Amino acid sequence: MKKISILFAALFLAVAVRAAEFSDISVSDVKALSESKAAVILDVNGSESYNEGHVPGALNFAAIQDNLSAKLPQDKGALIVAYCGSPRCGAYARAAKAAQKLGYTNIKHMSAGISGWKSAGMKTEPGN
């Protein structure tokens, strides 16, 4: 029983550390960034969802992931925001880690996702 408890504690700690790898950013902060174009926003919900509606100005990660470096700014300190479907969705990490692997250091996660964006009454724009 003690081994199982230790295993669960280690698993919980690993999940907690992974979740905190990228700082959270609020819907209202992302709205301001979207309006000012002060960040690169990556939608990691897939092309179908992206085409139905995404945060204004967000890039479709599924469409650009093979050429991500060409779509991101040269400044490795530029703000990159990744989001997916909801707070329970972990797909955002694919884009966040891809940017991190390219050397970007200022990466945030809008954990509310597109569902939280819509729930907050924010407008979306359709994809191309």
Protein backbone atom coordinates (compact mmCIF):
# COMPACT_ATOMS: atom_id res chain seq x y z
CA MET A 1 0.00 0.00 0.00
CA LYS A 2 2.85 2.36 0.82
CA LYS A 3 4.39 1.78 -2.63
CA ILE A 4 1.08 2.62 -4.29
CA SER A 5 0.77 5.82 -2.25
CA ILE A 6 4.29 6.85 -3.22
CA LEU A 7 3.55 6.07 -6.87
CA PHE A 8 0.41 8.22 -6.84
CA ALA A 9 2.25 11.06 -5.10
CA ALA A 10 5.02 10.96 -7.71
CA LEU A 11 2.48 10.88 -10.54
CA PHE A 12 0.59 13.85 -9.06
CA LEU A 13 3.81 15.82 -8.70
CA ALA A 14 4.82 15.07 -12.29
CA VAL A 15 1.44 16.25 -13.59
CA ALA A 16 1.59 19.40 -11.44
CA VAL A 17 5.08 20.24 -12.69
CA ARG A 18 4.08 19.65 -16.31
CA ALA A 19 0.96 21.81 -15.95
CA ALA A 20 3.04 24.69 -14.63
CA GLU A 21 5.62 24.45 -17.41
CA PHE A 22 3.91 27.31 -19.31
CA SER A 23 2.35 30.21 -17.41
CA ASP A 24 -1.38 30.73 -17.76
CA ILE A 25 -2.74 33.88 -19.37
CA SER A 26 -6.31 35.13 -19.01
CA VAL A 27 -8.90 35.49 -21.73
CA SER A 28 -9.00 39.26 -21.19
CA ASP A 29 -5.21 39.52 -21.54
CA VAL A 30 -5.32 37.47 -24.76
CA LYS A 31 -8.11 39.71 -26.07
CA ALA A 32 -5.88 42.76 -25.52
CA LEU A 33 -2.94 41.01 -27.18
CA SER A 34 -5.12 40.00 -30.11
CA GLU A 35 -6.34 43.55 -30.60
CA SER A 36 -2.85 45.06 -30.34
CA LYS A 37 -1.15 42.25 -32.27
CA ALA A 38 1.45 42.18 -29.49
CA ALA A 39 1.76 38.37 -29.47
CA VAL A 40 1.67 35.39 -31.77
CA ILE A 41 -1.40 33.36 -30.85
CA LEU A 42 -1.47 29.69 -31.82
CA ASP A 43 -4.75 27.78 -32.08
CA VAL A 44 -4.09 24.08 -31.49
CA ASN A 45 -7.64 22.79 -32.04
CA GLY A 46 -7.17 21.44 -35.55
CA SER A 47 -8.16 22.92 -38.88
CA GLU A 48 -11.88 22.12 -38.68
CA SER A 49 -12.28 23.92 -35.36
CA TYR A 50 -10.01 26.74 -36.52
CA ASN A 51 -12.16 27.27 -39.61
CA GLU A 52 -15.34 27.33 -37.51
CA GLY A 53 -13.94 30.11 -35.34
CA HIS A 54 -10.76 31.08 -33.51
CA VAL A 55 -9.30 33.93 -31.50
CA PRO A 56 -8.94 36.85 -33.93
CA GLY A 57 -5.47 36.86 -35.43
CA ALA A 58 -4.60 33.36 -34.19
CA LEU A 59 -2.58 31.08 -36.46
CA ASN A 60 -3.74 27.56 -37.26
CA PHE A 61 -1.00 25.41 -35.72
CA ALA A 62 -2.11 22.33 -37.69
CA ALA A 63 -1.52 24.20 -40.95
CA ILE A 64 1.82 25.78 -40.03
CA GLN A 65 3.50 23.30 -37.69
CA ASP A 66 5.85 21.95 -40.38
CA ASN A 67 7.10 25.49 -41.10
CA LEU A 68 6.59 27.04 -37.66
CA SER A 69 9.93 28.84 -37.56
CA ALA A 70 8.98 30.87 -40.65
CA LYS A 71 5.72 31.98 -39.03
CA LEU A 72 7.20 33.11 -35.71
CA PRO A 73 9.10 36.36 -35.16
CA GLN A 74 12.89 36.42 -35.15
CA ASP A 75 12.86 37.79 -31.58
CA LYS A 76 13.08 34.68 -29.38
CA GLY A 77 11.69 36.74 -26.47
CA ALA A 78 8.48 37.54 -28.35
CA LEU A 79 5.28 36.51 -26.58
CA ILE A 80 3.75 33.29 -27.91
CA VAL A 81 0.30 32.21 -26.63
CA ALA A 82 -1.02 28.72 -27.29
CA TYR A 83 -4.53 27.46 -26.60
CA CYS A 84 -6.72 24.50 -27.38
CA GLY A 85 -10.29 23.51 -26.56
CA SER A 86 -10.79 23.88 -22.84
CA PRO A 87 -9.04 23.79 -19.46
CA ARG A 88 -8.95 19.97 -19.68
CA CYS A 89 -7.29 19.96 -23.09
CA GLY A 90 -3.53 19.43 -23.25
CA ALA A 91 -3.07 19.78 -27.01
CA TYR A 92 -1.75 23.34 -26.58
CA ALA A 93 1.50 21.81 -25.29
CA ARG A 94 2.39 20.59 -28.80
CA ALA A 95 2.61 24.16 -30.06
CA ALA A 96 4.14 25.52 -26.87
CA LYS A 97 6.86 22.87 -26.87
CA ALA A 98 7.50 23.31 -30.59
CA ALA A 99 8.08 27.05 -30.03
CA GLN A 100 10.23 26.29 -27.00
CA LYS A 101 12.31 23.85 -29.06
CA LEU A 102 12.91 26.68 -31.56
CA GLY A 103 14.33 28.78 -28.72
CA TYR A 104 11.34 30.92 -27.72
CA THR A 105 11.32 31.77 -24.04
CA ASN A 106 8.12 33.77 -23.45
CA ILE A 107 5.39 31.19 -24.01
CA LYS A 108 2.03 31.29 -22.26
CA HIS A 109 -1.04 29.10 -22.19
CA MET A 110 -4.62 30.37 -22.37
CA SER A 111 -5.98 27.48 -20.34
CA ALA A 112 -9.60 28.59 -20.78
CA GLY A 113 -9.27 27.50 -24.39
CA ILE A 114 -11.66 28.44 -27.15
CA SER A 115 -14.59 27.27 -25.02
CA GLY A 116 -13.65 29.74 -22.28
CA TRP A 117 -13.09 32.44 -24.88
CA LYS A 118 -16.61 31.96 -26.22
CA SER A 119 -18.11 31.62 -22.74
CA ALA A 120 -16.60 35.00 -21.86
CA GLY A 121 -18.54 36.50 -24.78
CA MET A 122 -15.48 37.11 -26.94
CA LYS A 123 -15.89 37.17 -30.70
CA THR A 124 -14.20 34.65 -32.96
CA GLU A 125 -13.22 34.92 -36.58
CA PRO A 126 -13.67 32.15 -39.15
CA GLY A 127 -10.74 30.49 -40.85
CA ASN A 128 -9.95 30.69 -44.53
